[in-house]
All heavy atoms as atom14 arrays in JSON, in Angstrom:
{
  "sequence": "TGKNIAILGSGGVSSTVECIAKELNAKNIYRISRKPKQDYITY",
  "atom14_mask": [
    [1, 1, 1, 1, 1, 1, 1, 0, 0, 0, 0, 0, 0, 0],
    [1, 1, 1, 1, 0, 0, 0, 0, 0, 0, 0, 0, 0, 0],
    [1, 1, 1, 1, 1, 1, 1, 1, 1, 0, 0, 0, 0, 0],
    [1, 1, 1, 1, 1, 1, 1, 1, 0, 0, 0, 0, 0, 0],
    [1, 1, 1, 1, 1, 1, 1, 1, 0, 0, 0, 0, 0, 0],
    [1, 1, 1, 1, 1, 0, 0, 0, 0, 0, 0, 0, 0, 0],
    [1, 1, 1, 1, 1, 1, 1, 1, 0, 0, 0, 0, 0, 0],
    [1, 1, 1, 1, 1, 1, 1, 1, 0, 0, 0, 0, 0, 0],
    [1, 1, 1, 1, 0, 0, 0, 0, 0, 0, 0, 0, 0, 0],
    [1, 1, 1, 1, 1, 1, 0, 0, 0, 0, 0, 0, 0, 0],
    [1, 1, 1, 1, 0, 0, 0, 0, 0, 0, 0, 0, 0, 0],
    [1, 1, 1, 1, 0, 0, 0, 0, 0, 0, 0, 0, 0, 0],
    [1, 1, 1, 1, 1, 1, 1, 0, 0, 0, 0, 0, 0, 0],
    [1, 1, 1, 1, 1, 1, 0, 0, 0, 0, 0, 0, 0, 0],
    [1, 1, 1, 1, 1, 1, 0, 0, 0, 0, 0, 0, 0, 0],
    [1, 1, 1, 1, 1, 1, 1, 0, 0, 0, 0, 0, 0, 0],
    [1, 1, 1, 1, 1, 1, 1, 0, 0, 0, 0, 0, 0, 0],
    [1, 1, 1, 1, 1, 1, 1, 1, 1, 0, 0, 0, 0, 0],
    [1, 1, 1, 1, 1, 1, 0, 0, 0, 0, 0, 0, 0, 0],
    [1, 1, 1, 1, 1, 1, 1, 1, 0, 0, 0, 0, 0, 0],
    [1, 1, 1, 1, 1, 0, 0, 0, 0, 0, 0, 0, 0, 0],
    [1, 1, 1, 1, 1, 1, 1, 1, 1, 0, 0, 0, 0, 0],
    [1, 1, 1, 1, 1, 1, 1, 1, 1, 0, 0, 0, 0, 0],
    [1, 1, 1, 1, 1, 1, 1, 1, 0, 0, 0, 0, 0, 0],
    [1, 1, 1, 1, 1, 1, 1, 1, 0, 0, 0, 0, 0, 0],
    [1, 1, 1, 1, 1, 0, 0, 0, 0, 0, 0, 0, 0, 0],
    [1, 1, 1, 1, 1, 1, 1, 1, 1, 0, 0, 0, 0, 0],
    [1, 1, 1, 1, 1, 1, 1, 1, 0, 0, 0, 0, 0, 0],
    [1, 1, 1, 1, 1, 1, 1, 1, 0, 0, 0, 0, 0, 0],
    [1, 1, 1, 1, 1, 1, 1, 1, 1, 1, 1, 1, 0, 0],
    [1, 1, 1, 1, 1, 1, 1, 1, 1, 1, 1, 0, 0, 0],
    [1, 1, 1, 1, 1, 1, 1, 1, 0, 0, 0, 0, 0, 0],
    [1, 1, 1, 1, 1, 1, 0, 0, 0, 0, 0, 0, 0, 0],
    [1, 1, 1, 1, 1, 1, 1, 1, 1, 1, 1, 0, 0, 0],
    [1, 1, 1, 1, 1, 1, 1, 1, 1, 0, 0, 0, 0, 0],
    [1, 1, 1, 1, 1, 1, 1, 0, 0, 0, 0, 0, 0, 0],
    [1, 1, 1, 1, 1, 1, 1, 1, 1, 0, 0, 0, 0, 0],
    [1, 1, 1, 1, 1, 1, 1, 1, 1, 0, 0, 0, 0, 0],
    [1, 1, 1, 1, 1, 1, 1, 1, 0, 0, 0, 0, 0, 0],
    [1, 1, 1, 1, 1, 1, 1, 1, 1, 1, 1, 1, 0, 0],
    [1, 1, 1, 1, 1, 1, 1, 1, 0, 0, 0, 0, 0, 0],
    [1, 1, 1, 1, 1, 1, 1, 0, 0, 0, 0, 0, 0, 0],
    [1, 1, 1, 1, 1, 1, 1, 1, 1, 1, 1, 1, 0, 0]
  ],
  "atom14_positions": [
    [[-40.17, -1.18, -54.15], [-39.56, -0.48, -55.34], [-40.52, 0.56, -55.94], [-41.73, 0.29, -56.22], [-39.17, -1.59, -56.31], [-38.45, -2.56, -55.65], [-38.62, -1.03, -57.61], [0.0, 0.0, 0.0], [0.0, 0.0, 0.0], [0.0, 0.0, 0.0], [0.0, 0.0, 0.0], [0.0, 0.0, 0.0], [0.0, 0.0, 0.0], [0.0, 0.0, 0.0]],
    [[-39.95, 1.73, -56.18], [-40.74, 2.8, -56.66], [-41.75, 3.43, -55.82], [-42.61, 4.15, -56.34], [0.0, 0.0, 0.0], [0.0, 0.0, 0.0], [0.0, 0.0, 0.0], [0.0, 0.0, 0.0], [0.0, 0.0, 0.0], [0.0, 0.0, 0.0], [0.0, 0.0, 0.0], [0.0, 0.0, 0.0], [0.0, 0.0, 0.0], [0.0, 0.0, 0.0]],
    [[-41.81, 3.16, -54.66], [-42.93, 3.58, -53.73], [-42.41, 4.77, -52.88], [-41.17, 4.81, -52.62], [-43.44, 2.44, -52.91], [-44.05, 1.33, -53.65], [-45.24, 1.54, -54.24], [-45.84, 0.41, -54.99], [-46.35, -0.72, -54.05], [0.0, 0.0, 0.0], [0.0, 0.0, 0.0], [0.0, 0.0, 0.0], [0.0, 0.0, 0.0], [0.0, 0.0, 0.0]],
    [[-43.3, 5.55, -52.34], [-42.97, 6.55, -51.41], [-43.1, 6.05, -50.05], [-44.17, 5.44, -49.64], [-43.86, 7.83, -51.58], [-43.62, 8.49, -52.85], [-42.5, 8.71, -53.37], [-44.72, 9.0, -53.56], [0.0, 0.0, 0.0], [0.0, 0.0, 0.0], [0.0, 0.0, 0.0], [0.0, 0.0, 0.0], [0.0, 0.0, 0.0], [0.0, 0.0, 0.0]],
    [[-42.02, 6.08, -49.22], [-42.08, 5.48, -47.95], [-41.88, 6.57, -46.89], [-41.08, 7.51, -46.94], [-40.87, 4.52, -47.79], [-40.71, 3.58, -49.04], [-41.05, 3.65, -46.55], [-41.94, 2.68, -49.17], [0.0, 0.0, 0.0], [0.0, 0.0, 0.0], [0.0, 0.0, 0.0], [0.0, 0.0, 0.0], [0.0, 0.0, 0.0], [0.0, 0.0, 0.0]],
    [[-42.7, 6.33, -45.73], [-42.56, 7.2, -44.57], [-42.15, 6.38, -43.41], [-42.77, 5.4, -43.06], [-43.91, 7.98, -44.22], [0.0, 0.0, 0.0], [0.0, 0.0, 0.0], [0.0, 0.0, 0.0], [0.0, 0.0, 0.0], [0.0, 0.0, 0.0], [0.0, 0.0, 0.0], [0.0, 0.0, 0.0], [0.0, 0.0, 0.0], [0.0, 0.0, 0.0]],
    [[-40.94, 6.72, -42.84], [-40.48, 5.92, -41.59], [-40.7, 6.79, -40.3], [-40.14, 8.03, -40.31], [-38.96, 5.79, -41.76], [-38.72, 5.01, -43.14], [-38.43, 4.88, -40.6], [-37.15, 4.82, -43.45], [0.0, 0.0, 0.0], [0.0, 0.0, 0.0], [0.0, 0.0, 0.0], [0.0, 0.0, 0.0], [0.0, 0.0, 0.0], [0.0, 0.0, 0.0]],
    [[-41.56, 6.42, -39.4], [-41.77, 7.17, -38.21], [-40.71, 6.71, -37.26], [-40.43, 5.62, -36.79], [-43.15, 6.64, -37.68], [-44.37, 6.74, -38.63], [-45.73, 6.41, -37.87], [-44.35, 8.01, -39.49], [0.0, 0.0, 0.0], [0.0, 0.0, 0.0], [0.0, 0.0, 0.0], [0.0, 0.0, 0.0], [0.0, 0.0, 0.0], [0.0, 0.0, 0.0]],
    [[-40.06, 7.9, -36.74], [-39.01, 7.65, -35.67], [-37.58, 7.73, -36.19], [-37.33, 7.88, -37.32], [0.0, 0.0, 0.0], [0.0, 0.0, 0.0], [0.0, 0.0, 0.0], [0.0, 0.0, 0.0], [0.0, 0.0, 0.0], [0.0, 0.0, 0.0], [0.0, 0.0, 0.0], [0.0, 0.0, 0.0], [0.0, 0.0, 0.0], [0.0, 0.0, 0.0]],
    [[-36.64, 7.96, -35.1], [-35.3, 8.21, -35.48], [-34.31, 7.34, -34.75], [-33.09, 7.68, -34.73], [-35.0, 9.66, -35.23], [-35.32, 9.93, -33.84], [0.0, 0.0, 0.0], [0.0, 0.0, 0.0], [0.0, 0.0, 0.0], [0.0, 0.0, 0.0], [0.0, 0.0, 0.0], [0.0, 0.0, 0.0], [0.0, 0.0, 0.0], [0.0, 0.0, 0.0]],
    [[-34.68, 6.27, -34.2], [-33.72, 5.34, -33.45], [-33.06, 4.37, -34.39], [-33.0, 4.47, -35.57], [0.0, 0.0, 0.0], [0.0, 0.0, 0.0], [0.0, 0.0, 0.0], [0.0, 0.0, 0.0], [0.0, 0.0, 0.0], [0.0, 0.0, 0.0], [0.0, 0.0, 0.0], [0.0, 0.0, 0.0], [0.0, 0.0, 0.0], [0.0, 0.0, 0.0]],
    [[-32.5, 3.27, -33.69], [-31.68, 2.27, -34.33], [-32.48, 1.5, -35.44], [-32.04, 1.33, -36.54], [0.0, 0.0, 0.0], [0.0, 0.0, 0.0], [0.0, 0.0, 0.0], [0.0, 0.0, 0.0], [0.0, 0.0, 0.0], [0.0, 0.0, 0.0], [0.0, 0.0, 0.0], [0.0, 0.0, 0.0], [0.0, 0.0, 0.0], [0.0, 0.0, 0.0]],
    [[-33.7, 1.15, -35.27], [-34.47, 0.43, -36.2], [-34.94, 1.36, -37.39], [-34.86, 0.84, -38.44], [-35.83, -0.06, -35.55], [-36.64, -0.86, -36.62], [-35.41, -1.04, -34.46], [0.0, 0.0, 0.0], [0.0, 0.0, 0.0], [0.0, 0.0, 0.0], [0.0, 0.0, 0.0], [0.0, 0.0, 0.0], [0.0, 0.0, 0.0], [0.0, 0.0, 0.0]],
    [[-35.17, 2.57, -37.24], [-35.46, 3.41, -38.33], [-34.32, 3.54, -39.34], [-34.51, 3.6, -40.47], [-35.85, 4.83, -37.81], [-34.67, 5.47, -37.25], [0.0, 0.0, 0.0], [0.0, 0.0, 0.0], [0.0, 0.0, 0.0], [0.0, 0.0, 0.0], [0.0, 0.0, 0.0], [0.0, 0.0, 0.0], [0.0, 0.0, 0.0], [0.0, 0.0, 0.0]],
    [[-33.14, 3.47, -38.79], [-31.89, 3.59, -39.78], [-31.77, 2.27, -40.5], [-31.4, 2.25, -41.79], [-30.55, 3.79, -38.92], [-30.43, 2.84, -38.1], [0.0, 0.0, 0.0], [0.0, 0.0, 0.0], [0.0, 0.0, 0.0], [0.0, 0.0, 0.0], [0.0, 0.0, 0.0], [0.0, 0.0, 0.0], [0.0, 0.0, 0.0], [0.0, 0.0, 0.0]],
    [[-32.14, 1.16, -39.85], [-32.24, -0.14, -40.58], [-33.26, -0.07, -41.69], [-33.01, -0.54, -42.87], [-32.43, -1.29, -39.61], [-31.48, -1.33, -38.66], [-32.56, -2.62, -40.49], [0.0, 0.0, 0.0], [0.0, 0.0, 0.0], [0.0, 0.0, 0.0], [0.0, 0.0, 0.0], [0.0, 0.0, 0.0], [0.0, 0.0, 0.0], [0.0, 0.0, 0.0]],
    [[-34.51, 0.44, -41.36], [-35.57, 0.49, -42.25], [-35.09, 1.49, -43.57], [-35.4, 1.01, -44.66], [-36.86, 1.14, -41.75], [-38.0, 1.32, -42.81], [-37.38, 0.28, -40.57], [0.0, 0.0, 0.0], [0.0, 0.0, 0.0], [0.0, 0.0, 0.0], [0.0, 0.0, 0.0], [0.0, 0.0, 0.0], [0.0, 0.0, 0.0], [0.0, 0.0, 0.0]],
    [[-34.49, 2.54, -43.19], [-34.06, 3.54, -44.27], [-32.96, 2.83, -45.09], [-33.12, 2.95, -46.51], [-33.49, 4.72, -43.69], [-33.04, 5.74, -44.72], [-32.34, 6.97, -44.15], [-32.06, 6.97, -42.9], [-32.07, 7.9, -44.82], [0.0, 0.0, 0.0], [0.0, 0.0, 0.0], [0.0, 0.0, 0.0], [0.0, 0.0, 0.0], [0.0, 0.0, 0.0]],
    [[-32.05, 2.01, -44.59], [-31.11, 1.42, -45.4], [-31.77, 0.44, -46.28], [-31.39, 0.44, -47.57], [-30.17, 0.65, -44.58], [-28.73, -0.15, -45.25], [0.0, 0.0, 0.0], [0.0, 0.0, 0.0], [0.0, 0.0, 0.0], [0.0, 0.0, 0.0], [0.0, 0.0, 0.0], [0.0, 0.0, 0.0], [0.0, 0.0, 0.0], [0.0, 0.0, 0.0]],
    [[-32.69, -0.39, -45.95], [-33.41, -1.39, -46.73], [-34.24, -0.61, -47.92], [-34.2, -1.09, -49.07], [-34.36, -2.28, -46.0], [-33.36, -3.18, -44.93], [-35.14, -3.13, -46.77], [-34.23, -3.96, -44.05], [0.0, 0.0, 0.0], [0.0, 0.0, 0.0], [0.0, 0.0, 0.0], [0.0, 0.0, 0.0], [0.0, 0.0, 0.0], [0.0, 0.0, 0.0]],
    [[-34.92, 0.41, -47.46], [-35.83, 1.11, -48.45], [-34.87, 1.71, -49.53], [-35.32, 1.63, -50.76], [-36.48, 2.23, -47.8], [0.0, 0.0, 0.0], [0.0, 0.0, 0.0], [0.0, 0.0, 0.0], [0.0, 0.0, 0.0], [0.0, 0.0, 0.0], [0.0, 0.0, 0.0], [0.0, 0.0, 0.0], [0.0, 0.0, 0.0], [0.0, 0.0, 0.0]],
    [[-33.67, 2.13, -49.22], [-32.79, 2.65, -50.35], [-32.33, 1.49, -51.23], [-32.33, 1.6, -52.49], [-31.54, 3.38, -49.68], [-31.86, 4.67, -49.14], [-30.64, 5.34, -48.52], [-30.92, 6.73, -47.86], [-29.64, 7.23, -47.2], [0.0, 0.0, 0.0], [0.0, 0.0, 0.0], [0.0, 0.0, 0.0], [0.0, 0.0, 0.0], [0.0, 0.0, 0.0]],
    [[-31.89, 0.27, -50.52], [-31.47, -0.88, -51.36], [-32.62, -1.37, -52.23], [-32.28, -1.89, -53.3], [-30.94, -1.93, -50.47], [-29.56, -1.44, -49.7], [-29.1, -2.51, -48.87], [-29.85, -3.52, -48.7], [-28.02, -2.21, -48.23], [0.0, 0.0, 0.0], [0.0, 0.0, 0.0], [0.0, 0.0, 0.0], [0.0, 0.0, 0.0], [0.0, 0.0, 0.0]],
    [[-33.81, -1.27, -51.8], [-34.96, -1.78, -52.69], [-35.52, -0.66, -53.53], [-36.63, -0.92, -54.08], [-35.98, -2.29, -51.73], [-35.71, -3.64, -50.94], [-36.77, -3.87, -49.95], [-35.31, -4.66, -51.76], [0.0, 0.0, 0.0], [0.0, 0.0, 0.0], [0.0, 0.0, 0.0], [0.0, 0.0, 0.0], [0.0, 0.0, 0.0], [0.0, 0.0, 0.0]],
    [[-34.77, 0.47, -53.59], [-35.17, 1.36, -54.71], [-36.4, 2.14, -54.38], [-37.31, 2.3, -55.44], [-35.06, 0.85, -56.12], [-33.67, 0.38, -56.4], [-32.72, 1.07, -56.25], [-33.58, -0.82, -57.14], [0.0, 0.0, 0.0], [0.0, 0.0, 0.0], [0.0, 0.0, 0.0], [0.0, 0.0, 0.0], [0.0, 0.0, 0.0], [0.0, 0.0, 0.0]],
    [[-36.66, 2.5, -53.24], [-37.83, 3.25, -52.92], [-37.76, 4.68, -53.66], [-36.77, 5.06, -53.84], [-38.09, 3.43, -51.38], [0.0, 0.0, 0.0], [0.0, 0.0, 0.0], [0.0, 0.0, 0.0], [0.0, 0.0, 0.0], [0.0, 0.0, 0.0], [0.0, 0.0, 0.0], [0.0, 0.0, 0.0], [0.0, 0.0, 0.0], [0.0, 0.0, 0.0]],
    [[-38.95, 5.16, -54.03], [-38.88, 6.37, -54.84], [-38.47, 7.48, -53.99], [-37.52, 8.32, -54.24], [-40.21, 6.66, -55.51], [-40.32, 8.01, -56.27], [-41.66, 8.04, -56.98], [-41.83, 9.24, -57.84], [-43.15, 9.42, -58.47], [0.0, 0.0, 0.0], [0.0, 0.0, 0.0], [0.0, 0.0, 0.0], [0.0, 0.0, 0.0], [0.0, 0.0, 0.0]],
    [[-39.16, 7.86, -52.85], [-38.89, 8.76, -52.02], [-39.0, 8.3, -50.66], [-39.88, 7.4, -50.24], [-39.88, 9.99, -52.09], [-39.65, 10.81, -53.26], [-38.55, 11.37, -53.48], [-40.75, 10.87, -54.1], [0.0, 0.0, 0.0], [0.0, 0.0, 0.0], [0.0, 0.0, 0.0], [0.0, 0.0, 0.0], [0.0, 0.0, 0.0], [0.0, 0.0, 0.0]],
    [[-38.02, 8.61, -49.64], [-38.03, 8.19, -48.25], [-38.14, 9.44, -47.28], [-37.33, 10.21, -47.33], [-36.74, 7.43, -47.96], [-36.64, 6.24, -48.88], [-36.79, 6.94, -46.47], [-35.2, 5.51, -48.73], [0.0, 0.0, 0.0], [0.0, 0.0, 0.0], [0.0, 0.0, 0.0], [0.0, 0.0, 0.0], [0.0, 0.0, 0.0], [0.0, 0.0, 0.0]],
    [[-39.36, 9.46, -46.71], [-39.52, 10.48, -45.63], [-39.27, 9.98, -44.23], [-39.87, 8.99, -43.89], [-40.95, 11.02, -45.76], [-41.36, 11.64, -47.18], [-42.21, 10.79, -47.94], [-40.92, 12.8, -47.49], [-42.57, 11.31, -49.18], [-41.31, 13.26, -48.78], [-42.08, 12.54, -49.63], [-42.52, 13.0, -50.88], [0.0, 0.0, 0.0], [0.0, 0.0, 0.0]],
    [[-38.34, 10.58, -43.57], [-38.08, 10.25, -42.12], [-38.77, 11.3, -41.27], [-38.67, 12.58, -41.55], [-36.58, 10.29, -41.94], [-35.83, 9.28, -42.73], [-34.39, 9.16, -42.4], [-33.66, 10.43, -42.7], [-32.41, 10.7, -42.33], [-31.72, 9.78, -41.69], [-31.87, 11.91, -42.8], [0.0, 0.0, 0.0], [0.0, 0.0, 0.0], [0.0, 0.0, 0.0]],
    [[-39.58, 10.7, -40.36], [-40.55, 11.57, -39.57], [-40.11, 11.71, -38.1], [-39.69, 10.67, -37.37], [-42.0, 11.09, -39.63], [-42.3, 10.53, -41.15], [-42.96, 12.06, -39.18], [-42.17, 11.49, -42.18], [0.0, 0.0, 0.0], [0.0, 0.0, 0.0], [0.0, 0.0, 0.0], [0.0, 0.0, 0.0], [0.0, 0.0, 0.0], [0.0, 0.0, 0.0]],
    [[-40.1, 12.85, -37.58], [-39.67, 13.03, -36.28], [-40.83, 14.07, -35.62], [-41.31, 14.96, -36.21], [-38.34, 13.65, -36.04], [-38.02, 14.0, -34.74], [0.0, 0.0, 0.0], [0.0, 0.0, 0.0], [0.0, 0.0, 0.0], [0.0, 0.0, 0.0], [0.0, 0.0, 0.0], [0.0, 0.0, 0.0], [0.0, 0.0, 0.0], [0.0, 0.0, 0.0]],
    [[-40.96, 14.02, -34.28], [-41.87, 14.9, -33.62], [-41.38, 16.4, -33.69], [-42.13, 17.35, -33.81], [-42.02, 14.5, -32.16], [-43.02, 13.26, -32.01], [-43.13, 12.91, -30.59], [-41.9, 12.36, -30.05], [-41.71, 11.88, -28.9], [-42.8, 11.94, -27.94], [-40.6, 11.48, -28.34], [0.0, 0.0, 0.0], [0.0, 0.0, 0.0], [0.0, 0.0, 0.0]],
    [[-39.99, 16.53, -33.59], [-39.53, 17.8, -33.63], [-38.7, 17.98, -34.78], [-38.03, 17.09, -35.46], [-38.54, 18.04, -32.42], [-39.29, 17.94, -31.04], [-38.34, 18.21, -29.89], [-39.11, 18.0, -28.62], [-38.14, 18.27, -27.48], [0.0, 0.0, 0.0], [0.0, 0.0, 0.0], [0.0, 0.0, 0.0], [0.0, 0.0, 0.0], [0.0, 0.0, 0.0]],
    [[-38.76, 19.25, -35.49], [-37.96, 19.58, -36.67], [-36.52, 19.41, -36.42], [-35.93, 19.84, -35.52], [-38.31, 21.05, -37.0], [-39.57, 21.3, -36.18], [-39.49, 20.43, -34.92], [0.0, 0.0, 0.0], [0.0, 0.0, 0.0], [0.0, 0.0, 0.0], [0.0, 0.0, 0.0], [0.0, 0.0, 0.0], [0.0, 0.0, 0.0], [0.0, 0.0, 0.0]],
    [[-35.87, 18.64, -37.45], [-34.38, 18.47, -37.55], [-34.06, 18.26, -38.83], [-34.72, 17.89, -39.71], [-33.95, 17.44, -36.5], [-34.48, 16.19, -36.56], [-33.96, 15.26, -35.31], [-34.48, 13.91, -35.41], [-33.83, 13.06, -34.33], [0.0, 0.0, 0.0], [0.0, 0.0, 0.0], [0.0, 0.0, 0.0], [0.0, 0.0, 0.0], [0.0, 0.0, 0.0]],
    [[-32.53, 18.27, -39.06], [-32.14, 18.1, -40.44], [-32.42, 16.64, -40.99], [-32.41, 15.67, -40.28], [-30.59, 18.3, -40.3], [-29.87, 18.22, -41.72], [-28.47, 18.46, -41.66], [-27.85, 18.58, -40.52], [-27.76, 18.6, -42.71], [0.0, 0.0, 0.0], [0.0, 0.0, 0.0], [0.0, 0.0, 0.0], [0.0, 0.0, 0.0], [0.0, 0.0, 0.0]],
    [[-32.89, 16.62, -42.22], [-33.21, 15.57, -42.97], [-34.45, 14.79, -42.45], [-34.76, 13.7, -42.84], [-32.03, 14.43, -42.88], [-30.77, 15.02, -43.55], [-30.89, 15.82, -44.46], [-29.69, 14.67, -43.11], [0.0, 0.0, 0.0], [0.0, 0.0, 0.0], [0.0, 0.0, 0.0], [0.0, 0.0, 0.0], [0.0, 0.0, 0.0], [0.0, 0.0, 0.0]],
    [[-35.17, 15.43, -41.56], [-36.45, 14.92, -41.1], [-37.58, 15.92, -41.43], [-37.41, 17.08, -41.5], [-36.47, 14.65, -39.61], [-35.71, 13.45, -39.23], [-34.28, 13.44, -39.12], [-36.28, 12.26, -38.9], [-33.57, 12.36, -38.82], [-35.57, 11.05, -38.58], [-34.26, 11.05, -38.49], [-33.54, 9.92, -38.21], [0.0, 0.0, 0.0], [0.0, 0.0, 0.0]],
    [[-38.75, 15.45, -41.45], [-39.97, 16.33, -41.57], [-40.85, 15.97, -40.3], [-40.73, 14.74, -39.65], [-40.84, 16.11, -42.76], [-41.4, 14.79, -42.93], [-39.96, 16.58, -44.07], [-42.3, 14.64, -44.06], [0.0, 0.0, 0.0], [0.0, 0.0, 0.0], [0.0, 0.0, 0.0], [0.0, 0.0, 0.0], [0.0, 0.0, 0.0], [0.0, 0.0, 0.0]],
    [[-41.77, 16.76, -39.9], [-42.5, 16.52, -38.78], [-43.8, 15.72, -39.21], [-44.15, 15.62, -40.35], [-43.11, 17.83, -38.16], [-43.88, 18.61, -39.06], [-41.92, 18.67, -37.66], [0.0, 0.0, 0.0], [0.0, 0.0, 0.0], [0.0, 0.0, 0.0], [0.0, 0.0, 0.0], [0.0, 0.0, 0.0], [0.0, 0.0, 0.0], [0.0, 0.0, 0.0]],
    [[-44.57, 15.16, -38.15], [-45.81, 14.45, -38.53], [-46.87, 15.38, -39.15], [-47.55, 14.9, -40.02], [-46.35, 13.9, -37.23], [-45.52, 12.73, -36.68], [-44.47, 12.97, -35.75], [-45.76, 11.36, -37.13], [-43.74, 11.83, -35.29], [-44.96, 10.38, -36.68], [-43.95, 10.63, -35.85], [-43.12, 9.61, -35.36], [0.0, 0.0, 0.0], [0.0, 0.0, 0.0]]
  ]
}
C-alpha cells in the first residue's frame, strides 16, 4: 500500500502481480520489459 512497485516481465505471473498490486493500492506500478512497448518501460 502506497509503495512504488516494479514488476519484471510480461508473462502470466506478471499480470497476476499487477492485479494484486492495484488491489492493494500501490502508489505506482512500473511494468518492465527488455524491449520498449506500450505500458512498459525498459530495464
